[in-house]
PDB file of N, CA and C in Angstrom:
ATOM      1  N   UNK A   1     -19.594 -13.447  -5.730  1.00  0.00           N
ATOM      2  CA  UNK A   1     -19.398 -12.403  -4.698  1.00  0.00           C
ATOM      3  C   UNK A   1     -17.937 -12.468  -4.258  1.00  0.00           C
ATOM      4  N   UNK A   2     -17.523 -11.107  -4.197  1.00  0.00           N
ATOM      5  CA  UNK A   2     -15.820 -11.268  -3.590  1.00  0.00           C
ATOM      6  C   UNK A   2     -15.709 -10.531  -2.480  1.00  0.00           C
ATOM      7  N   UNK A   3     -14.914 -10.962  -1.632  1.00  0.00           N
ATOM      8  CA  UNK A   3     -14.320 -10.372  -0.634  1.00  0.00           C
ATOM      9  C   UNK A   3     -12.958  -9.906  -0.482  1.00  0.00           C
ATOM     10  N   UNK A   4     -12.925  -8.868   0.215  1.00  0.00           N
ATOM     11  CA  UNK A   4     -11.712  -7.939   0.386  1.00  0.00           C
ATOM     12  C   UNK A   4     -10.596  -8.527   1.435  1.00  0.00           C
ATOM     13  N   UNK A   5      -9.566  -9.001   0.862  1.00  0.00           N
ATOM     14  CA  UNK A   5      -8.537  -9.476   1.698  1.00  0.00           C
ATOM     15  C   UNK A   5      -7.236  -8.530   1.822  1.00  0.00           C
ATOM     16  N   UNK A   6      -6.762  -8.635   3.085  1.00  0.00           N
ATOM     17  CA  UNK A   6      -5.826  -7.905   3.581  1.00  0.00           C
ATOM     18  C   UNK A   6      -4.422  -8.512   3.264  1.00  0.00           C
ATOM     19  N   UNK A   7      -3.331  -8.089   2.440  1.00  0.00           N
ATOM     20  CA  UNK A   7      -2.457  -8.821   2.069  1.00  0.00           C
ATOM     21  C   UNK A   7      -1.078  -8.027   2.615  1.00  0.00           C
ATOM     22  N   UNK A   8      -0.584  -8.868   3.401  1.00  0.00           N
ATOM     23  CA  UNK A   8       0.983  -8.147   3.797  1.00  0.00           C
ATOM     24  C   UNK A   8       1.928  -7.679   2.780  1.00  0.00           C
ATOM     25  N   UNK A   9       2.387  -6.718   2.521  1.00  0.00           N
ATOM     26  CA  UNK A   9       3.757  -6.534   1.518  1.00  0.00           C
ATOM     27  C   UNK A   9       4.501  -5.661   2.191  1.00  0.00           C
ATOM     28  N   UNK A  10       5.712  -5.881   1.366  1.00  0.00           N
ATOM     29  CA  UNK A  10       6.950  -4.937   1.817  1.00  0.00           C
ATOM     30  C   UNK A  10       7.181  -3.906   0.688  1.00  0.00           C
ATOM     31  N   UNK A  11       7.586  -2.847   1.199  1.00  0.00           N
ATOM     32  CA  UNK A  11       7.671  -1.648   0.477  1.00  0.00           C
ATOM     33  C   UNK A  11       8.808  -0.806   0.562  1.00  0.00           C
ATOM     34  N   UNK A  12       9.834  -0.884  -0.447  1.00  0.00           N
ATOM     35  CA  UNK A  12      10.854  -0.214  -0.468  1.00  0.00           C
ATOM     36  C   UNK A  12      10.446   1.666  -0.883  1.00  0.00           C
ATOM     37  N   UNK A  13      10.807   2.253   0.059  1.00  0.00           N
ATOM     38  CA  UNK A  13      10.717   3.780   0.062  1.00  0.00           C
ATOM     39  C   UNK A  13      12.052   4.603   0.119  1.00  0.00           C
ATOM     40  N   UNK A  14      11.718   5.760  -0.186  1.00  0.00           N
ATOM     41  CA  UNK A  14      12.878   7.047  -0.219  1.00  0.00           C
ATOM     42  C   UNK A  14      12.175   7.899   0.632  1.00  0.00           C
ATOM     43  N   UNK A  15      13.099   8.233   1.584  1.00  0.00           N
ATOM     44  CA  UNK A  15      12.483   9.452   2.605  1.00  0.00           C
ATOM     45  C   UNK A  15      13.237  10.757   1.800  1.00  0.00           C
ATOM     46  N   UNK A  16      12.178  11.619   1.568  1.00  0.00           N
ATOM     47  CA  UNK A  16      12.838  12.901   1.078  1.00  0.00           C
ATOM     48  C   UNK A  16      13.006  13.893   2.220  1.00  0.00           C
ATOM     49  N   UNK A  17      13.487  15.159   1.790  1.00  0.00           N
ATOM     50  CA  UNK A  17      14.093  15.977   2.947  1.00  0.00           C
ATOM     51  C   UNK A  17      13.019  16.520   4.026  1.00  0.00           C
ATOM     52  N   UNK A  18      11.730  16.567   3.575  1.00  0.00           N
ATOM     53  CA  UNK A  18      10.915  16.661   4.540  1.00  0.00           C
ATOM     54  C   UNK A  18      10.303  15.685   5.424  1.00  0.00           C
ATOM     55  N   UNK A  19      11.041  14.460   5.159  1.00  0.00           N
ATOM     56  CA  UNK A  19      10.661  13.301   6.010  1.00  0.00           C
ATOM     57  C   UNK A  19       9.457  12.318   5.480  1.00  0.00           C
ATOM     58  N   UNK A  20       8.936  12.655   4.216  1.00  0.00           N
ATOM     59  CA  UNK A  20       7.795  11.993   3.682  1.00  0.00           C
ATOM     60  C   UNK A  20       8.474  10.797   3.301  1.00  0.00           C
ATOM     61  N   UNK A  21       7.757   9.730   3.098  1.00  0.00           N
ATOM     62  CA  UNK A  21       7.890   8.235   2.618  1.00  0.00           C
ATOM     63  C   UNK A  21       7.490   8.446   0.976  1.00  0.00           C
ATOM     64  N   UNK A  22       8.393   8.006   0.233  1.00  0.00           N
ATOM     65  CA  UNK A  22       7.686   7.931  -1.247  1.00  0.00           C
ATOM     66  C   UNK A  22       7.968   6.373  -1.699  1.00  0.00           C
ATOM     67  N   UNK A  23       6.935   5.683  -2.012  1.00  0.00           N
ATOM     68  CA  UNK A  23       7.049   4.230  -2.294  1.00  0.00           C
ATOM     69  C   UNK A  23       7.941   3.960  -3.602  1.00  0.00           C
ATOM     70  N   UNK A  24       8.875   3.074  -3.843  1.00  0.00           N
ATOM     71  CA  UNK A  24       9.545   3.151  -4.917  1.00  0.00           C
ATOM     72  C   UNK A  24       9.508   1.341  -5.628  1.00  0.00           C
ATOM     73  N   UNK A  25       9.260   0.520  -4.784  1.00  0.00           N
ATOM     74  CA  UNK A  25       8.947  -0.889  -4.953  1.00  0.00           C
ATOM     75  C   UNK A  25       8.183  -1.652  -4.095  1.00  0.00           C
ATOM     76  N   UNK A  26       7.624  -2.628  -4.732  1.00  0.00           N
ATOM     77  CA  UNK A  26       6.468  -3.280  -3.834  1.00  0.00           C
ATOM     78  C   UNK A  26       6.928  -4.866  -3.598  1.00  0.00           C
ATOM     79  N   UNK A  27       7.044  -5.387  -3.002  1.00  0.00           N
ATOM     80  CA  UNK A  27       7.515  -7.036  -2.757  1.00  0.00           C
ATOM     81  C   UNK A  27       6.356  -7.785  -2.310  1.00  0.00           C
ATOM     82  N   UNK A  28       5.869  -8.628  -3.153  1.00  0.00           N
ATOM     83  CA  UNK A  28       4.676  -9.651  -2.582  1.00  0.00           C
ATOM     84  C   UNK A  28       5.247 -11.045  -2.879  1.00  0.00           C
ATOM     85  N   UNK A  29       5.590 -11.739  -1.660  1.00  0.00           N
ATOM     86  CA  UNK A  29       5.931 -13.184  -1.759  1.00  0.00           C
ATOM     87  C   UNK A  29       7.329 -12.940  -2.623  1.00  0.00           C
ATOM     88  N   UNK A  30       7.150 -13.767  -3.831  1.00  0.00           N
ATOM     89  CA  UNK A  30       8.522 -13.928  -4.772  1.00  0.00           C
ATOM     90  C   UNK A  30       8.433 -12.871  -5.874  1.00  0.00           C
ATOM     91  N   UNK A  31       7.376 -11.994  -6.000  1.00  0.00           N
ATOM     92  CA  UNK A  31       7.404 -11.031  -7.010  1.00  0.00           C
ATOM     93  C   UNK A  31       7.898  -9.612  -6.421  1.00  0.00           C
ATOM     94  N   UNK A  32       8.434  -8.910  -7.456  1.00  0.00           N
ATOM     95  CA  UNK A  32       8.975  -7.546  -7.057  1.00  0.00           C
ATOM     96  C   UNK A  32       8.281  -6.726  -8.184  1.00  0.00           C
ATOM     97  N   UNK A  33       7.722  -5.462  -7.737  1.00  0.00           N
ATOM     98  CA  UNK A  33       6.937  -4.325  -8.496  1.00  0.00           C
ATOM     99  C   UNK A  33       7.700  -3.094  -8.570  1.00  0.00           C
ATOM    100  N   UNK A  34       8.102  -2.371  -9.596  1.00  0.00           N
ATOM    101  CA  UNK A  34       8.443  -1.152  -9.515  1.00  0.00           C
ATOM    102  C   UNK A  34       7.628  -0.083  -9.405  1.00  0.00           C
ATOM    103  N   UNK A  35       7.640   0.761  -8.644  1.00  0.00           N
ATOM    104  CA  UNK A  35       6.433   1.892  -8.700  1.00  0.00           C
ATOM    105  C   UNK A  35       6.715   3.151  -9.813  1.00  0.00           C
ATOM    106  N   UNK A  36       6.147   3.104 -10.824  1.00  0.00           N
ATOM    107  CA  UNK A  36       6.552   3.829 -12.102  1.00  0.00           C
ATOM    108  C   UNK A  36       6.042   5.302 -11.549  1.00  0.00           C
ATOM    109  N   UNK A  37       5.059   5.638 -10.783  1.00  0.00           N
ATOM    110  CA  UNK A  37       4.639   7.073 -10.569  1.00  0.00           C
ATOM    111  C   UNK A  37       3.633   6.728  -8.946  1.00  0.00           C
ATOM    112  N   UNK A  38       4.292   7.999  -8.215  1.00  0.00           N
ATOM    113  CA  UNK A  38       3.844   8.324  -7.000  1.00  0.00           C
ATOM    114  C   UNK A  38       2.891   9.219  -6.986  1.00  0.00           C
ATOM    115  N   UNK A  39       1.325   9.103  -6.728  1.00  0.00           N
ATOM    116  CA  UNK A  39       0.347   9.962  -6.869  1.00  0.00           C
ATOM    117  C   UNK A  39      -0.039  10.735  -5.652  1.00  0.00           C
ATOM    118  N   UNK A  40       0.098  10.035  -4.595  1.00  0.00           N
ATOM    119  CA  UNK A  40       0.173  10.995  -3.304  1.00  0.00           C
ATOM    120  C   UNK A  40      -0.336  10.036  -2.072  1.00  0.00           C
ATOM    121  N   UNK A  41      -0.531  10.933  -1.121  1.00  0.00           N
ATOM    122  CA  UNK A  41      -0.827   9.888   0.117  1.00  0.00           C
ATOM    123  C   UNK A  41      -2.007  10.742   0.657  1.00  0.00           C
ATOM    124  N   UNK A  42      -2.977  10.228   1.348  1.00  0.00           N
ATOM    125  CA  UNK A  42      -3.883  10.663   2.209  1.00  0.00           C
ATOM    126  C   UNK A  42      -4.261   9.579   3.433  1.00  0.00           C
ATOM    127  N   UNK A  43      -4.650  10.051   4.577  1.00  0.00           N
ATOM    128  CA  UNK A  43      -5.289   9.321   5.525  1.00  0.00           C
ATOM    129  C   UNK A  43      -6.455   8.509   5.044  1.00  0.00           C
ATOM    130  N   UNK A  44      -6.427   7.170   5.164  1.00  0.00           N
ATOM    131  CA  UNK A  44      -7.998   6.653   4.772  1.00  0.00           C
ATOM    132  C   UNK A  44      -7.284   5.241   5.017  1.00  0.00           C
ATOM    133  N   UNK A  45      -8.251   4.303   5.267  1.00  0.00           N
ATOM    134  CA  UNK A  45      -8.542   3.087   5.101  1.00  0.00           C
ATOM    135  C   UNK A  45      -9.700   2.230   4.494  1.00  0.00           C
ATOM    136  N   UNK A  46      -9.616   1.333   3.974  1.00  0.00           N
ATOM    137  CA  UNK A  46     -10.592   0.640   3.250  1.00  0.00           C
ATOM    138  C   UNK A  46     -11.826   0.206   4.699  1.00  0.00           C
ATOM    139  N   UNK A  47     -12.924   0.554   4.205  1.00  0.00           N
ATOM    140  CA  UNK A  47     -13.800   0.037   5.417  1.00  0.00           C
ATOM    141  C   UNK A  47     -14.076  -1.322   6.023  1.00  0.00           C
ATOM    142  N   UNK A  48     -13.696  -2.212   4.844  1.00  0.00           N
ATOM    143  CA  UNK A  48     -13.946  -3.696   4.890  1.00  0.00           C
ATOM    144  C   UNK A  48     -12.813  -4.426   5.275  1.00  0.00           C
ATOM    145  N   UNK A  49     -11.412  -3.629   5.957  1.00  0.00           N
ATOM    146  CA  UNK A  49     -10.457  -4.228   6.400  1.00  0.00           C
ATOM    147  C   UNK A  49     -10.109  -4.045   7.728  1.00  0.00           C
ATOM    148  N   UNK A  50      -9.925  -4.712   8.823  1.00  0.00           N
ATOM    149  CA  UNK A  50      -9.538  -4.402   9.900  1.00  0.00           C
ATOM    150  C   UNK A  50      -8.305  -3.770  10.023  1.00  0.00           C
ATOM    151  N   UNK A  51      -7.877  -2.953  11.080  1.00  0.00           N
ATOM    152  CA  UNK A  51      -6.742  -1.996  10.882  1.00  0.00           C
ATOM    153  C   UNK A  51      -6.343  -1.660  12.487  1.00  0.00           C
ATOM    154  N   UNK A  52      -5.049  -1.465  12.759  1.00  0.00           N
ATOM    155  CA  UNK A  52      -4.557  -1.144  13.789  1.00  0.00           C
ATOM    156  C   UNK A  52      -4.418   0.392  14.014  1.00  0.00           C
ATOM    157  N   UNK A  53      -5.359   1.248  14.589  1.00  0.00           N
ATOM    158  CA  UNK A  53      -4.839   2.595  14.520  1.00  0.00           C
ATOM    159  C   UNK A  53      -5.158   3.281  13.071  1.00  0.00           C
ATOM    160  N   UNK A  54      -4.630   4.368  13.073  1.00  0.00           N
ATOM    161  CA  UNK A  54      -5.014   5.239  11.736  1.00  0.00           C
ATOM    162  C   UNK A  54      -3.972   4.411  10.497  1.00  0.00           C
ATOM    163  N   UNK A  55      -4.506   4.494   9.243  1.00  0.00           N
ATOM    164  CA  UNK A  55      -3.749   4.009   8.229  1.00  0.00           C
ATOM    165  C   UNK A  55      -3.714   5.343   7.466  1.00  0.00           C
ATOM    166  N   UNK A  56      -2.689   4.975   6.329  1.00  0.00           N
ATOM    167  CA  UNK A  56      -2.176   6.081   5.559  1.00  0.00           C
ATOM    168  C   UNK A  56      -2.370   5.373   4.019  1.00  0.00           C
ATOM    169  N   UNK A  57      -3.111   6.000   3.173  1.00  0.00           N
ATOM    170  CA  UNK A  57      -3.248   5.381   1.761  1.00  0.00           C
ATOM    171  C   UNK A  57      -2.218   5.829   0.827  1.00  0.00           C
ATOM    172  N   UNK A  58      -1.419   5.185   0.285  1.00  0.00           N
ATOM    173  CA  UNK A  58      -0.205   5.574  -0.821  1.00  0.00           C
ATOM    174  C   UNK A  58      -0.871   5.332  -2.081  1.00  0.00           C
ATOM    175  N   UNK A  59      -1.075   6.080  -3.123  1.00  0.00           N
ATOM    176  CA  UNK A  59      -1.651   5.833  -4.486  1.00  0.00           C
ATOM    177  C   UNK A  59      -0.395   5.915  -5.303  1.00  0.00           C
ATOM    178  N   UNK A  60      -0.230   4.849  -6.366  1.00  0.00           N
ATOM    179  CA  UNK A  60       0.984   4.763  -6.968  1.00  0.00           C
ATOM    180  C   UNK A  60       0.481   4.200  -8.423  1.00  0.00           C
ATOM    181  N   UNK A  61       1.228   4.153  -9.157  1.00  0.00           N
ATOM    182  CA  UNK A  61       0.903   3.629 -10.644  1.00  0.00           C
ATOM    183  C   UNK A  61       2.271   2.528 -10.923  1.00  0.00           C
ATOM    184  N   UNK A  62       1.636   1.162 -11.255  1.00  0.00           N
ATOM    185  CA  UNK A  62       2.758  -0.036 -11.211  1.00  0.00           C
ATOM    186  C   UNK A  62       2.306  -0.490 -12.633  1.00  0.00           C
ATOM    187  N   UNK A  63       3.168  -0.746 -13.488  1.00  0.00           N
ATOM    188  CA  UNK A  63       3.003  -1.359 -14.582  1.00  0.00           C
ATOM    189  C   UNK A  63       1.285  -0.783 -15.481  1.00  0.00           C
ATOM    190  N   UNK A  64       1.374   0.635 -15.360  1.00  0.00           N
ATOM    191  CA  UNK A  64       0.223   1.174 -15.999  1.00  0.00           C
ATOM    192  C   UNK A  64      -1.151   1.133 -15.103  1.00  0.00           C
ATOM    193  N   UNK A  65      -1.146   0.653 -13.976  1.00  0.00           N
ATOM    194  CA  UNK A  65      -2.105   0.507 -13.344  1.00  0.00           C
ATOM    195  C   UNK A  65      -2.326   1.257 -12.074  1.00  0.00           C
ATOM    196  N   UNK A  66      -3.305   1.827 -11.770  1.00  0.00           N
ATOM    197  CA  UNK A  66      -3.230   2.494 -10.408  1.00  0.00           C
ATOM    198  C   UNK A  66      -3.732   1.703  -8.966  1.00  0.00           C
ATOM    199  N   UNK A  67      -2.867   1.793  -8.115  1.00  0.00           N
ATOM    200  CA  UNK A  67      -2.718   0.652  -7.144  1.00  0.00           C
ATOM    201  C   UNK A  67      -2.922   1.535  -5.856  1.00  0.00           C
ATOM    202  N   UNK A  68      -3.564   1.230  -4.723  1.00  0.00           N
ATOM    203  CA  UNK A  68      -3.307   1.579  -3.294  1.00  0.00           C
ATOM    204  C   UNK A  68      -2.803   0.759  -2.498  1.00  0.00           C
ATOM    205  N   UNK A  69      -1.649   1.365  -1.681  1.00  0.00           N
ATOM    206  CA  UNK A  69      -0.883   0.721  -0.768  1.00  0.00           C
ATOM    207  C   UNK A  69      -1.421   1.457   0.540  1.00  0.00           C
ATOM    208  N   UNK A  70      -1.159   0.770   1.694  1.00  0.00           N
ATOM    209  CA  UNK A  70      -1.685   1.387   2.807  1.00  0.00           C
ATOM    210  C   UNK A  70      -0.690   0.914   3.853  1.00  0.00           C
ATOM    211  N   UNK A  71      -0.660   1.920   4.782  1.00  0.00           N
ATOM    212  CA  UNK A  71       0.694   1.837   5.666  1.00  0.00           C
ATOM    213  C   UNK A  71       0.102   2.185   7.253  1.00  0.00           C
ATOM    214  N   UNK A  72       0.525   1.318   8.098  1.00  0.00           N
ATOM    215  CA  UNK A  72      -0.108   1.629   9.582  1.00  0.00           C
ATOM    216  C   UNK A  72       1.262   2.058  10.251  1.00  0.00           C
ATOM    217  N   UNK A  73       1.142   3.572  10.571  1.00  0.00           N
ATOM    218  CA  UNK A  73       2.252   4.024  11.399  1.00  0.00           C
ATOM    219  C   UNK A  73       2.556   3.366  12.621  1.00  0.00           C
ATOM    220  N   UNK A  74       1.443   3.156  13.319  1.00  0.00           N
ATOM    221  CA  UNK A  74       1.388   2.434  14.633  1.00  0.00           C
ATOM    222  C   UNK A  74       2.242   1.170  14.707  1.00  0.00           C
ATOM    223  N   UNK A  75       1.963   0.345  13.716  1.00  0.00           N
ATOM    224  CA  UNK A  75       2.760  -0.864  13.541  1.00  0.00           C
ATOM    225  C   UNK A  75       3.862  -0.922  12.674  1.00  0.00           C
ATOM    226  N   UNK A  76       3.764  -0.091  11.755  1.00  0.00           N
ATOM    227  CA  UNK A  76       4.940  -0.028  10.870  1.00  0.00           C
ATOM    228  C   UNK A  76       4.832  -1.125   9.824  1.00  0.00           C
ATOM    229  N   UNK A  77       3.862  -1.450   9.490  1.00  0.00           N
ATOM    230  CA  UNK A  77       3.576  -2.334   8.631  1.00  0.00           C
ATOM    231  C   UNK A  77       2.783  -1.889   7.217  1.00  0.00           C
ATOM    232  N   UNK A  78       3.021  -2.378   6.222  1.00  0.00           N
ATOM    233  CA  UNK A  78       2.434  -2.196   4.905  1.00  0.00           C
ATOM    234  C   UNK A  78       1.097  -3.336   4.481  1.00  0.00           C
ATOM    235  N   UNK A  79       0.486  -2.957   3.766  1.00  0.00           N
ATOM    236  CA  UNK A  79      -0.628  -3.956   3.254  1.00  0.00           C
ATOM    237  C   UNK A  79      -1.268  -3.496   2.014  1.00  0.00           C
ATOM    238  N   UNK A  80      -1.822  -4.628   1.347  1.00  0.00           N
ATOM    239  CA  UNK A  80      -2.597  -4.192   0.039  1.00  0.00           C
ATOM    240  C   UNK A  80      -3.996  -4.757   0.264  1.00  0.00           C
ATOM    241  N   UNK A  81      -5.004  -4.447  -0.599  1.00  0.00           N
ATOM    242  CA  UNK A  81      -6.250  -5.155  -0.467  1.00  0.00           C
ATOM    243  C   UNK A  81      -6.375  -5.982  -1.855  1.00  0.00           C
ATOM    244  N   UNK A  82      -6.725  -6.981  -1.616  1.00  0.00           N
ATOM    245  CA  UNK A  82      -6.969  -7.665  -2.916  1.00  0.00           C
ATOM    246  C   UNK A  82      -8.531  -8.345  -2.807  1.00  0.00           C
ATOM    247  N   UNK A  83      -9.240  -8.424  -4.146  1.00  0.00           N
ATOM    248  CA  UNK A  83     -10.307  -9.116  -4.212  1.00  0.00           C
ATOM    249  C   UNK A  83     -10.174 -10.771  -4.161  1.00  0.00           C
ATOM    250  N   UNK A  84     -10.923 -11.409  -3.132  1.00  0.00           N
ATOM    251  CA  UNK A  84     -11.001 -12.939  -3.381  1.00  0.00           C
ATOM    252  C   UNK A  84     -12.453 -13.371  -3.563  1.00  0.00           C
ATOM    253  N   UNK A  85     -12.387 -14.214  -4.715  1.00  0.00           N
ATOM    254  CA  UNK A  85     -13.653 -14.696  -5.111  1.00  0.00           C
ATOM    255  C   UNK A  85     -14.019 -15.869  -4.167  1.00  0.00           C
ATOM    256  N   UNK A  86     -15.488 -15.764  -4.056  1.00  0.00           N
ATOM    257  CA  UNK A  86     -15.917 -16.881  -3.168  1.00  0.00           C
ATOM    258  C   UNK A  86     -17.061 -17.709  -3.464  1.00  0.00           C
TER     259      UNK A  86
END
């Protein structure tokens, strides 16, 4: 059985002329990953992860894999969700 784990991340973004944030690089501990493609943003949070207020889901492609990044505007923090085997 696997549990979902909230993992804090750092995300480098660009701000476009409308003020929208577009992820360009994800940094996790000692590794850095370039975002190959930005797929979009929607208000959403995984039901299994506790959050502080509203959360936005940013869908991206990294190294050929679709990934979801989450941003909490209220706390200005980014996180990802990983499966933890138990």
